[in-house]
């Protein structure tokens, strides 16, 4: 998968998910497959990944 560069107005991307919950599996798989390309396409963008038990999966973009 080829990642594209995000807008310069995006200051931070936060990704929260549970490391064990079946509901977070899709997001975990997405991160494993996509993170290297996202980081390569957006080297100056902080991408924060937080894993915690029982957390609802979400991606937060800060502009």
Protein backbone atom coordinates (compact mmCIF):
# COMPACT_ATOMS: atom_id res chain seq x y z
CA UNK A 1 0.00 0.00 0.00
CA UNK A 2 1.36 3.37 -0.95
CA UNK A 3 0.75 6.08 1.64
CA UNK A 4 0.24 9.68 0.62
CA UNK A 5 1.56 12.76 2.32
CA UNK A 6 -0.93 14.48 4.61
CA UNK A 7 -1.73 18.18 4.53
CA UNK A 8 0.88 20.46 6.10
CA UNK A 9 -1.86 21.71 8.45
CA UNK A 10 -1.96 18.31 10.19
CA UNK A 11 0.21 18.65 13.30
CA UNK A 12 -0.17 15.24 14.95
CA UNK A 13 -1.87 11.89 14.47
CA UNK A 14 -2.80 9.86 17.56
CA UNK A 15 -3.86 6.24 17.32
CA UNK A 16 -5.43 4.54 20.34
CA UNK A 17 -6.41 0.88 20.49
CA UNK A 18 -6.54 -2.18 22.71
CA UNK A 19 -3.75 -4.68 22.26
CA UNK A 20 -6.06 -7.64 22.98
CA UNK A 21 -9.59 -6.68 21.97
CA UNK A 22 -11.04 -8.32 18.86
CA UNK A 23 -12.69 -4.96 18.12
CA UNK A 24 -9.23 -3.39 17.68
CA UNK A 25 -7.90 -6.07 15.36
CA UNK A 26 -8.59 -4.10 12.18
CA UNK A 27 -6.75 -1.05 13.47
CA UNK A 28 -3.83 -3.16 14.71
CA UNK A 29 -3.55 -4.82 11.30
CA UNK A 30 -3.78 -1.42 9.59
CA UNK A 31 -0.93 -0.06 11.72
CA UNK A 32 1.28 -3.08 11.07
CA UNK A 33 0.77 -2.84 7.31
CA UNK A 34 0.64 0.94 6.85
CA UNK A 35 2.82 2.62 9.49
CA UNK A 36 6.16 2.34 7.64
CA UNK A 37 4.71 3.88 4.47
CA UNK A 38 2.85 6.58 6.43
CA UNK A 39 6.02 7.57 8.25
CA UNK A 40 8.05 7.54 5.05
CA UNK A 41 5.51 9.79 3.31
CA UNK A 42 5.23 12.09 6.37
CA UNK A 43 8.63 12.11 8.09
CA UNK A 44 8.05 15.27 10.12
CA UNK A 45 4.59 14.31 11.37
CA UNK A 46 4.37 12.89 14.89
CA UNK A 47 2.37 9.66 14.76
CA UNK A 48 1.65 8.56 18.32
CA UNK A 49 0.52 4.98 18.85
CA UNK A 50 -0.99 4.10 22.22
CA UNK A 51 -2.01 0.61 23.26
CA UNK A 52 -4.03 0.06 26.42
CA UNK A 53 -6.35 -2.67 27.64
CA UNK A 54 -10.03 -1.91 27.18
CA UNK A 55 -9.53 1.25 25.14
CA UNK A 56 -11.93 1.98 22.30
CA UNK A 57 -10.14 2.16 18.94
CA UNK A 58 -9.83 5.63 17.48
CA UNK A 59 -7.62 7.86 15.40
CA UNK A 60 -7.34 11.51 16.39
CA UNK A 61 -5.97 14.12 14.02
CA UNK A 62 -4.76 17.41 15.51
CA UNK A 63 -4.63 20.42 13.21
